[in-house]
Amino acid sequence: MTSDTIELVERVRQRLDHQENPVRIAGPVSENAIAAAEEALGCTFPPSYRAFLRTWGGIALPTHLGIVHDFVGVAGADSDGDVVARTLRAREERRLAEHLVVVGMGAQNQEWFLLDSSKPQPNGEYPVLMYDARDNAVDQQFYDDFGQMLEEVLGFVADSLEQPLD
């Protein structure tokens, strides 16, 4: 994770701390927890997602602020909202392919953002696809990788928060 991304997340967090719906950051995740999640899902996470997990663990924004409001992380074994639980549930209920991993929840109901581990890039990153759960279908590639998704969404949120209210 770049220092610019870390600063961006902190800037958004500070701006939202004083609002009714602040950003929720889960907290850093250990390498052991990341490895256990990878094993449970049968894939290796790309570098940007691993760095995100080690740095923040998960980030949830107020739903009205961005196209992605929940950057899904790794949580305790009893959580039904972490990357493992969401992905395994989607694989069972929606017949989501084994190479897809749910890493983001969209602002629109039933929009999910998925890592596609079947298309690794030379740098180890995977593209991020948008999935429409209403149609039970992959819609399109939305971001080149998880890091780009995080930076673009939070950059948009930061810009929006700096605009004066009308």
N, C-alpha and C. Protein backbone atom coordinates (compact mmCIF):
# COMPACT_ATOMS: atom_id res chain seq x y z
N MET A 1 0.85 -1.17 0.00
CA MET A 1 0.00 0.00 0.00
C MET A 1 0.89 1.23 0.00
N THR A 2 0.60 2.16 -0.86
CA THR A 2 1.44 3.36 -0.94
C THR A 2 1.13 4.32 0.21
N SER A 3 2.07 5.18 0.49
CA SER A 3 1.84 6.17 1.55
C SER A 3 0.71 7.12 1.15
N ASP A 4 0.55 7.37 -0.16
CA ASP A 4 -0.55 8.22 -0.62
C ASP A 4 -1.90 7.60 -0.28
N THR A 5 -2.01 6.28 -0.45
CA THR A 5 -3.26 5.60 -0.13
C THR A 5 -3.51 5.63 1.37
N ILE A 6 -2.49 5.42 2.15
CA ILE A 6 -2.63 5.48 3.61
C ILE A 6 -3.09 6.87 4.04
N GLU A 7 -2.50 7.90 3.46
CA GLU A 7 -2.90 9.28 3.78
C GLU A 7 -4.34 9.54 3.34
N LEU A 8 -4.73 9.01 2.19
CA LEU A 8 -6.08 9.19 1.68
C LEU A 8 -7.11 8.56 2.63
N VAL A 9 -6.86 7.34 3.06
CA VAL A 9 -7.77 6.68 4.00
C VAL A 9 -7.86 7.48 5.29
N GLU A 10 -6.74 7.95 5.79
CA GLU A 10 -6.74 8.73 7.03
C GLU A 10 -7.50 10.04 6.85
N ARG A 11 -7.34 10.70 5.72
CA ARG A 11 -8.05 11.96 5.45
C ARG A 11 -9.57 11.72 5.43
N VAL A 12 -10.00 10.66 4.76
CA VAL A 12 -11.43 10.34 4.72
C VAL A 12 -11.92 9.99 6.12
N ARG A 13 -11.16 9.19 6.86
CA ARG A 13 -11.56 8.81 8.21
C ARG A 13 -11.73 10.04 9.10
N GLN A 14 -10.77 10.96 9.03
CA GLN A 14 -10.85 12.17 9.86
C GLN A 14 -12.07 13.01 9.49
N ARG A 15 -12.35 13.15 8.20
CA ARG A 15 -13.50 13.96 7.76
C ARG A 15 -14.81 13.33 8.22
N LEU A 16 -14.88 12.01 8.21
CA LEU A 16 -16.12 11.32 8.56
C LEU A 16 -16.28 11.07 10.05
N ASP A 17 -15.21 11.21 10.82
CA ASP A 17 -15.27 10.97 12.26
C ASP A 17 -16.30 11.86 12.96
N HIS A 18 -16.53 13.03 12.43
CA HIS A 18 -17.42 13.99 13.07
C HIS A 18 -18.83 13.93 12.51
N GLN A 19 -19.12 12.95 11.70
CA GLN A 19 -20.45 12.79 11.14
C GLN A 19 -21.19 11.65 11.83
N GLU A 20 -22.47 11.56 11.56
CA GLU A 20 -23.30 10.53 12.17
C GLU A 20 -22.90 9.12 11.73
N ASN A 21 -22.41 8.98 10.52
CA ASN A 21 -22.02 7.67 9.98
C ASN A 21 -20.53 7.65 9.66
N PRO A 22 -19.70 7.51 10.68
CA PRO A 22 -18.25 7.52 10.39
C PRO A 22 -17.81 6.26 9.66
N VAL A 23 -16.62 6.34 9.08
CA VAL A 23 -16.02 5.18 8.44
C VAL A 23 -15.67 4.18 9.54
N ARG A 24 -15.85 2.90 9.24
CA ARG A 24 -15.48 1.86 10.19
C ARG A 24 -14.28 1.10 9.63
N ILE A 25 -13.21 1.06 10.41
CA ILE A 25 -12.00 0.33 10.02
C ILE A 25 -11.84 -0.83 10.99
N ALA A 26 -11.76 -2.03 10.45
CA ALA A 26 -11.73 -3.24 11.28
C ALA A 26 -10.45 -3.36 12.10
N GLY A 27 -9.34 -2.97 11.52
CA GLY A 27 -8.05 -3.10 12.19
C GLY A 27 -7.18 -4.12 11.49
N PRO A 28 -5.88 -3.97 11.61
CA PRO A 28 -4.93 -4.85 10.91
C PRO A 28 -5.17 -6.32 11.19
N VAL A 29 -4.88 -7.14 10.18
CA VAL A 29 -5.05 -8.59 10.25
C VAL A 29 -3.67 -9.24 10.17
N SER A 30 -3.48 -10.29 10.93
CA SER A 30 -2.19 -10.99 10.96
C SER A 30 -1.97 -11.81 9.69
N GLU A 31 -0.71 -12.11 9.41
CA GLU A 31 -0.37 -12.98 8.28
C GLU A 31 -1.03 -14.34 8.42
N ASN A 32 -1.11 -14.85 9.67
CA ASN A 32 -1.75 -16.15 9.90
C ASN A 32 -3.22 -16.12 9.50
N ALA A 33 -3.93 -15.04 9.85
CA ALA A 33 -5.34 -14.92 9.50
C ALA A 33 -5.52 -14.79 7.98
N ILE A 34 -4.61 -14.06 7.34
CA ILE A 34 -4.67 -13.92 5.88
C ILE A 34 -4.43 -15.27 5.22
N ALA A 35 -3.41 -16.00 5.68
CA ALA A 35 -3.11 -17.32 5.13
C ALA A 35 -4.28 -18.29 5.34
N ALA A 36 -4.93 -18.22 6.49
CA ALA A 36 -6.08 -19.09 6.75
C ALA A 36 -7.24 -18.77 5.81
N ALA A 37 -7.45 -17.48 5.55
CA ALA A 37 -8.51 -17.07 4.61
C ALA A 37 -8.20 -17.56 3.20
N GLU A 38 -6.94 -17.42 2.79
CA GLU A 38 -6.54 -17.91 1.47
C GLU A 38 -6.76 -19.41 1.36
N GLU A 39 -6.39 -20.13 2.39
CA GLU A 39 -6.55 -21.58 2.38
C GLU A 39 -8.04 -21.96 2.31
N ALA A 40 -8.87 -21.27 3.07
CA ALA A 40 -10.31 -21.55 3.07
C ALA A 40 -10.94 -21.30 1.71
N LEU A 41 -10.40 -20.32 0.97
CA LEU A 41 -10.96 -19.97 -0.33
C LEU A 41 -10.23 -20.64 -1.49
N GLY A 42 -9.11 -21.29 -1.22
CA GLY A 42 -8.38 -21.99 -2.26
C GLY A 42 -7.71 -21.09 -3.27
N CYS A 43 -7.22 -19.94 -2.81
CA CYS A 43 -6.52 -19.01 -3.71
C CYS A 43 -5.51 -18.19 -2.90
N THR A 44 -4.64 -17.52 -3.63
CA THR A 44 -3.70 -16.59 -3.03
C THR A 44 -4.21 -15.18 -3.29
N PHE A 45 -4.22 -14.35 -2.27
CA PHE A 45 -4.65 -12.97 -2.46
C PHE A 45 -3.56 -12.17 -3.17
N PRO A 46 -3.96 -11.19 -3.99
CA PRO A 46 -2.96 -10.35 -4.65
C PRO A 46 -2.30 -9.39 -3.66
N PRO A 47 -1.11 -8.86 -4.03
CA PRO A 47 -0.37 -8.00 -3.11
C PRO A 47 -1.17 -6.81 -2.57
N SER A 48 -1.95 -6.14 -3.40
CA SER A 48 -2.68 -4.96 -2.92
C SER A 48 -3.73 -5.33 -1.88
N TYR A 49 -4.39 -6.47 -2.06
CA TYR A 49 -5.40 -6.89 -1.09
C TYR A 49 -4.75 -7.36 0.21
N ARG A 50 -3.64 -8.06 0.10
CA ARG A 50 -2.90 -8.49 1.30
C ARG A 50 -2.45 -7.26 2.10
N ALA A 51 -1.92 -6.25 1.42
CA ALA A 51 -1.47 -5.02 2.09
C ALA A 51 -2.66 -4.31 2.75
N PHE A 52 -3.79 -4.28 2.07
CA PHE A 52 -5.01 -3.70 2.64
C PHE A 52 -5.40 -4.41 3.93
N LEU A 53 -5.38 -5.73 3.90
CA LEU A 53 -5.74 -6.51 5.08
C LEU A 53 -4.76 -6.28 6.23
N ARG A 54 -3.48 -6.24 5.92
CA ARG A 54 -2.46 -6.00 6.96
C ARG A 54 -2.56 -4.59 7.55
N THR A 55 -3.01 -3.64 6.73
CA THR A 55 -3.06 -2.24 7.17
C THR A 55 -4.37 -1.89 7.86
N TRP A 56 -5.51 -2.27 7.25
CA TRP A 56 -6.82 -1.86 7.76
C TRP A 56 -7.74 -3.02 8.14
N GLY A 57 -7.56 -4.17 7.56
CA GLY A 57 -8.42 -5.31 7.87
C GLY A 57 -9.74 -5.30 7.15
N GLY A 58 -10.35 -4.17 6.99
CA GLY A 58 -11.63 -3.98 6.32
C GLY A 58 -12.05 -2.54 6.51
N ILE A 59 -12.76 -1.98 5.55
CA ILE A 59 -13.22 -0.59 5.64
C ILE A 59 -14.67 -0.54 5.18
N ALA A 60 -15.52 0.07 6.01
CA ALA A 60 -16.92 0.27 5.64
C ALA A 60 -17.22 1.77 5.66
N LEU A 61 -17.71 2.27 4.54
CA LEU A 61 -18.07 3.67 4.40
C LEU A 61 -19.58 3.83 4.48
N PRO A 62 -20.08 5.02 4.81
CA PRO A 62 -21.51 5.25 4.69
C PRO A 62 -21.94 4.94 3.25
N THR A 63 -23.05 4.24 3.08
CA THR A 63 -23.44 3.71 1.77
C THR A 63 -23.64 4.78 0.69
N HIS A 64 -23.98 5.98 1.05
CA HIS A 64 -24.28 7.01 0.05
C HIS A 64 -23.03 7.68 -0.53
N LEU A 65 -21.85 7.34 -0.04
CA LEU A 65 -20.66 8.08 -0.43
C LEU A 65 -19.88 7.55 -1.63
N GLY A 66 -20.01 6.28 -1.95
CA GLY A 66 -19.19 5.77 -3.05
C GLY A 66 -19.81 4.56 -3.71
N ILE A 67 -19.28 4.21 -4.87
CA ILE A 67 -19.76 3.06 -5.61
C ILE A 67 -19.50 1.77 -4.84
N VAL A 68 -18.44 1.75 -4.04
CA VAL A 68 -18.16 0.63 -3.14
C VAL A 68 -18.26 1.20 -1.72
N HIS A 69 -19.08 0.59 -0.88
CA HIS A 69 -19.20 1.11 0.48
C HIS A 69 -18.58 0.17 1.52
N ASP A 70 -18.32 -1.07 1.13
CA ASP A 70 -17.75 -2.02 2.07
C ASP A 70 -16.58 -2.75 1.40
N PHE A 71 -15.37 -2.43 1.85
CA PHE A 71 -14.18 -3.14 1.38
C PHE A 71 -14.02 -4.31 2.34
N VAL A 72 -14.41 -5.48 1.87
CA VAL A 72 -14.54 -6.66 2.71
C VAL A 72 -13.16 -7.14 3.18
N GLY A 73 -13.08 -7.43 4.46
CA GLY A 73 -11.81 -7.87 5.04
C GLY A 73 -11.90 -9.26 5.61
N VAL A 74 -10.96 -9.55 6.49
CA VAL A 74 -10.89 -10.84 7.18
C VAL A 74 -11.26 -10.57 8.63
N ALA A 75 -12.19 -11.37 9.15
CA ALA A 75 -12.65 -11.17 10.52
C ALA A 75 -12.53 -12.48 11.28
N GLY A 76 -13.06 -12.49 12.48
CA GLY A 76 -13.04 -13.70 13.31
C GLY A 76 -13.88 -14.80 12.71
N ALA A 77 -13.73 -15.98 13.23
CA ALA A 77 -14.41 -17.16 12.70
C ALA A 77 -15.93 -17.05 12.77
N ASP A 78 -16.46 -16.23 13.67
CA ASP A 78 -17.91 -16.14 13.81
C ASP A 78 -18.53 -15.05 12.93
N SER A 79 -17.76 -14.37 12.14
CA SER A 79 -18.28 -13.28 11.31
C SER A 79 -18.90 -13.82 10.03
N ASP A 80 -20.06 -13.27 9.67
CA ASP A 80 -20.68 -13.68 8.41
C ASP A 80 -20.46 -12.62 7.32
N GLY A 81 -19.71 -11.58 7.65
CA GLY A 81 -19.49 -10.52 6.68
C GLY A 81 -18.07 -10.41 6.18
N ASP A 82 -17.22 -11.37 6.52
CA ASP A 82 -15.84 -11.28 6.05
C ASP A 82 -15.69 -11.94 4.69
N VAL A 83 -14.49 -11.82 4.11
CA VAL A 83 -14.24 -12.31 2.75
C VAL A 83 -14.51 -13.80 2.61
N VAL A 84 -14.16 -14.57 3.63
CA VAL A 84 -14.37 -16.02 3.55
C VAL A 84 -15.86 -16.34 3.58
N ALA A 85 -16.57 -15.82 4.58
CA ALA A 85 -17.99 -16.13 4.72
C ALA A 85 -18.79 -15.65 3.51
N ARG A 86 -18.54 -14.42 3.07
CA ARG A 86 -19.29 -13.88 1.92
C ARG A 86 -19.01 -14.68 0.66
N THR A 87 -17.75 -15.02 0.43
CA THR A 87 -17.40 -15.75 -0.79
C THR A 87 -17.95 -17.16 -0.76
N LEU A 88 -17.79 -17.85 0.34
CA LEU A 88 -18.31 -19.22 0.43
C LEU A 88 -19.83 -19.26 0.30
N ARG A 89 -20.50 -18.28 0.91
CA ARG A 89 -21.95 -18.19 0.79
C ARG A 89 -22.36 -17.93 -0.67
N ALA A 90 -21.63 -17.03 -1.33
CA ALA A 90 -21.93 -16.73 -2.74
C ALA A 90 -21.66 -17.94 -3.63
N ARG A 91 -20.62 -18.69 -3.32
CA ARG A 91 -20.33 -19.89 -4.10
C ARG A 91 -21.44 -20.93 -3.94
N GLU A 92 -21.98 -21.02 -2.73
CA GLU A 92 -23.05 -21.99 -2.50
C GLU A 92 -24.39 -21.50 -3.03
N GLU A 93 -24.78 -20.28 -2.65
CA GLU A 93 -26.10 -19.78 -3.00
C GLU A 93 -26.22 -19.29 -4.44
N ARG A 94 -25.15 -18.72 -4.97
CA ARG A 94 -25.20 -18.12 -6.31
C ARG A 94 -24.39 -18.89 -7.33
N ARG A 95 -23.79 -19.99 -6.90
CA ARG A 95 -22.92 -20.79 -7.76
C ARG A 95 -21.78 -19.95 -8.35
N LEU A 96 -21.27 -19.05 -7.51
CA LEU A 96 -20.13 -18.21 -7.89
C LEU A 96 -18.94 -19.11 -8.17
N ALA A 97 -18.25 -18.87 -9.28
CA ALA A 97 -17.10 -19.69 -9.68
C ALA A 97 -16.02 -19.66 -8.60
N GLU A 98 -15.28 -20.76 -8.50
CA GLU A 98 -14.24 -20.93 -7.47
C GLU A 98 -13.10 -19.90 -7.57
N HIS A 99 -12.89 -19.32 -8.75
CA HIS A 99 -11.79 -18.36 -8.91
C HIS A 99 -12.20 -16.92 -8.57
N LEU A 100 -13.44 -16.71 -8.14
CA LEU A 100 -13.92 -15.38 -7.80
C LEU A 100 -14.02 -15.22 -6.28
N VAL A 101 -13.61 -14.04 -5.80
CA VAL A 101 -13.57 -13.76 -4.36
C VAL A 101 -14.26 -12.42 -4.12
N VAL A 102 -15.25 -12.39 -3.22
CA VAL A 102 -16.01 -11.17 -2.92
C VAL A 102 -15.17 -10.26 -2.02
N VAL A 103 -14.75 -9.10 -2.56
CA VAL A 103 -13.93 -8.16 -1.78
C VAL A 103 -14.56 -6.78 -1.62
N GLY A 104 -15.72 -6.57 -2.24
CA GLY A 104 -16.37 -5.27 -2.11
C GLY A 104 -17.87 -5.39 -2.29
N MET A 105 -18.60 -4.57 -1.54
CA MET A 105 -20.04 -4.51 -1.67
C MET A 105 -20.38 -3.14 -2.24
N GLY A 106 -21.20 -3.15 -3.28
CA GLY A 106 -21.53 -1.92 -3.98
C GLY A 106 -22.60 -1.11 -3.29
N ALA A 107 -22.64 0.16 -3.66
CA ALA A 107 -23.64 1.07 -3.11
C ALA A 107 -25.04 0.66 -3.55
N GLN A 108 -25.16 0.12 -4.74
CA GLN A 108 -26.45 -0.39 -5.20
C GLN A 108 -26.66 -1.78 -4.60
N ASN A 109 -27.85 -2.03 -4.15
CA ASN A 109 -28.17 -3.34 -3.56
C ASN A 109 -27.82 -4.45 -4.54
N GLN A 110 -27.15 -5.45 -4.05
CA GLN A 110 -26.80 -6.64 -4.82
C GLN A 110 -25.69 -6.43 -5.85
N GLU A 111 -24.89 -5.38 -5.72
CA GLU A 111 -23.69 -5.22 -6.53
C GLU A 111 -22.50 -5.64 -5.69
N TRP A 112 -21.74 -6.59 -6.21
CA TRP A 112 -20.57 -7.07 -5.51
C TRP A 112 -19.35 -6.81 -6.38
N PHE A 113 -18.19 -6.66 -5.75
CA PHE A 113 -16.94 -6.51 -6.46
C PHE A 113 -16.08 -7.71 -6.14
N LEU A 114 -15.58 -8.36 -7.19
CA LEU A 114 -14.91 -9.64 -7.06
C LEU A 114 -13.50 -9.61 -7.62
N LEU A 115 -12.57 -10.24 -6.92
CA LEU A 115 -11.26 -10.51 -7.49
C LEU A 115 -11.39 -11.72 -8.40
N ASP A 116 -10.78 -11.66 -9.58
CA ASP A 116 -10.79 -12.79 -10.51
C ASP A 116 -9.41 -13.42 -10.52
N SER A 117 -9.23 -14.46 -9.69
CA SER A 117 -7.91 -15.08 -9.55
C SER A 117 -7.51 -15.93 -10.75
N SER A 118 -8.40 -16.07 -11.73
CA SER A 118 -8.05 -16.84 -12.93
C SER A 118 -7.29 -15.99 -13.95
N LYS A 119 -7.16 -14.68 -13.67
CA LYS A 119 -6.49 -13.78 -14.61
C LYS A 119 -5.37 -13.00 -13.92
N PRO A 120 -4.37 -13.70 -13.38
CA PRO A 120 -3.28 -12.98 -12.70
C PRO A 120 -2.48 -12.13 -13.68
N GLN A 121 -2.11 -10.95 -13.22
CA GLN A 121 -1.26 -10.06 -14.00
C GLN A 121 0.19 -10.35 -13.63
N PRO A 122 1.15 -9.87 -14.43
CA PRO A 122 2.57 -10.14 -14.12
C PRO A 122 3.00 -9.70 -12.72
N ASN A 123 2.35 -8.67 -12.17
CA ASN A 123 2.70 -8.17 -10.84
C ASN A 123 1.96 -8.92 -9.72
N GLY A 124 1.22 -9.98 -10.07
CA GLY A 124 0.51 -10.77 -9.08
C GLY A 124 -0.88 -10.25 -8.74
N GLU A 125 -1.26 -9.15 -9.33
CA GLU A 125 -2.59 -8.58 -9.07
C GLU A 125 -3.65 -9.29 -9.91
N TYR A 126 -4.91 -9.17 -9.48
CA TYR A 126 -6.05 -9.72 -10.21
C TYR A 126 -7.00 -8.58 -10.55
N PRO A 127 -7.69 -8.67 -11.69
CA PRO A 127 -8.69 -7.65 -12.00
C PRO A 127 -9.88 -7.76 -11.03
N VAL A 128 -10.59 -6.64 -10.89
CA VAL A 128 -11.79 -6.59 -10.05
C VAL A 128 -12.99 -6.47 -10.98
N LEU A 129 -13.91 -7.42 -10.84
CA LEU A 129 -15.11 -7.47 -11.66
C LEU A 129 -16.31 -7.00 -10.84
N MET A 130 -17.30 -6.44 -11.54
CA MET A 130 -18.55 -6.13 -10.87
C MET A 130 -19.49 -7.30 -11.15
N TYR A 131 -20.21 -7.71 -10.12
CA TYR A 131 -21.14 -8.83 -10.19
C TYR A 131 -22.51 -8.32 -9.79
N ASP A 132 -23.51 -8.59 -10.60
CA ASP A 132 -24.88 -8.20 -10.29
C ASP A 132 -25.60 -9.43 -9.75
N ALA A 133 -25.81 -9.45 -8.44
CA ALA A 133 -26.43 -10.62 -7.80
C ALA A 133 -27.90 -10.77 -8.21
N ARG A 134 -28.55 -9.68 -8.60
CA ARG A 134 -29.95 -9.79 -9.05
C ARG A 134 -30.03 -10.64 -10.30
N ASP A 135 -29.07 -10.44 -11.22
CA ASP A 135 -29.03 -11.22 -12.46
C ASP A 135 -28.17 -12.47 -12.33
N ASN A 136 -27.49 -12.60 -11.19
CA ASN A 136 -26.56 -13.70 -10.95
C ASN A 136 -25.53 -13.81 -12.07
N ALA A 137 -24.93 -12.66 -12.41
CA ALA A 137 -23.99 -12.64 -13.53
C ALA A 137 -22.90 -11.60 -13.32
N VAL A 138 -21.70 -11.92 -13.83
CA VAL A 138 -20.61 -10.95 -13.84
C VAL A 138 -20.99 -9.89 -14.86
N ASP A 139 -20.89 -8.63 -14.48
CA ASP A 139 -21.28 -7.53 -15.34
C ASP A 139 -20.11 -7.10 -16.23
N GLN A 140 -18.99 -6.71 -15.61
CA GLN A 140 -17.85 -6.20 -16.37
C GLN A 140 -16.63 -6.08 -15.47
N GLN A 141 -15.44 -5.95 -16.09
CA GLN A 141 -14.26 -5.62 -15.31
C GLN A 141 -14.38 -4.16 -14.95
N PHE A 142 -14.21 -3.86 -13.67
CA PHE A 142 -14.41 -2.49 -13.20
C PHE A 142 -13.11 -1.79 -12.83
N TYR A 143 -12.15 -2.55 -12.30
CA TYR A 143 -10.86 -1.99 -11.91
C TYR A 143 -9.77 -2.97 -12.32
N ASP A 144 -8.57 -2.44 -12.54
CA ASP A 144 -7.43 -3.29 -12.88
C ASP A 144 -7.01 -4.17 -11.71
N ASP A 145 -7.15 -3.63 -10.48
CA ASP A 145 -6.77 -4.40 -9.30
C ASP A 145 -7.42 -3.79 -8.06
N PHE A 146 -7.27 -4.47 -6.93
CA PHE A 146 -7.89 -4.02 -5.68
C PHE A 146 -7.36 -2.65 -5.26
N GLY A 147 -6.05 -2.42 -5.40
CA GLY A 147 -5.46 -1.13 -5.01
C GLY A 147 -6.08 0.02 -5.77
N GLN A 148 -6.30 -0.17 -7.08
CA GLN A 148 -6.93 0.88 -7.89
C GLN A 148 -8.35 1.14 -7.39
N MET A 149 -9.10 0.08 -7.08
CA MET A 149 -10.46 0.24 -6.58
C MET A 149 -10.46 1.07 -5.30
N LEU A 150 -9.61 0.72 -4.36
CA LEU A 150 -9.54 1.43 -3.09
C LEU A 150 -9.19 2.90 -3.30
N GLU A 151 -8.16 3.16 -4.11
CA GLU A 151 -7.71 4.54 -4.34
C GLU A 151 -8.78 5.37 -5.06
N GLU A 152 -9.41 4.81 -6.09
CA GLU A 152 -10.41 5.58 -6.84
C GLU A 152 -11.65 5.87 -6.01
N VAL A 153 -12.14 4.88 -5.30
CA VAL A 153 -13.34 5.09 -4.49
C VAL A 153 -13.06 6.09 -3.38
N LEU A 154 -11.98 5.90 -2.65
CA LEU A 154 -11.68 6.82 -1.55
C LEU A 154 -11.28 8.21 -2.06
N GLY A 155 -10.67 8.28 -3.23
CA GLY A 155 -10.38 9.58 -3.83
C GLY A 155 -11.66 10.33 -4.16
N PHE A 156 -12.65 9.61 -4.69
CA PHE A 156 -13.95 10.22 -4.98
C PHE A 156 -14.63 10.68 -3.69
N VAL A 157 -14.58 9.85 -2.66
CA VAL A 157 -15.19 10.19 -1.38
C VAL A 157 -14.51 11.44 -0.80
N ALA A 158 -13.18 11.47 -0.83
CA ALA A 158 -12.44 12.63 -0.31
C ALA A 158 -12.83 13.89 -1.07
N ASP A 159 -12.90 13.81 -2.40
CA ASP A 159 -13.29 14.97 -3.20
C ASP A 159 -14.70 15.41 -2.85
N SER A 160 -15.61 14.47 -2.69
CA SER A 160 -17.01 14.79 -2.35
C SER A 160 -17.10 15.48 -1.00
N LEU A 161 -16.32 15.03 -0.04
CA LEU A 161 -16.37 15.61 1.30
C LEU A 161 -15.79 17.01 1.34
N GLU A 162 -14.97 17.35 0.36
CA GLU A 162 -14.37 18.68 0.32
C GLU A 162 -15.26 19.70 -0.39
N GLN A 163 -16.32 19.22 -1.05
CA GLN A 163 -17.24 20.13 -1.75
C GLN A 163 -18.15 20.81 -0.74
N PRO A 164 -18.41 22.11 -0.93
CA PRO A 164 -19.33 22.79 0.00
C PRO A 164 -20.76 22.28 -0.21
N LEU A 165 -21.53 22.23 0.87
CA LEU A 165 -22.92 21.82 0.78
C LEU A 165 -23.74 22.95 0.21
N ASP A 166 -24.66 22.63 -0.67
CA ASP A 166 -25.55 23.66 -1.27
C ASP A 166 -26.75 23.94 -0.41
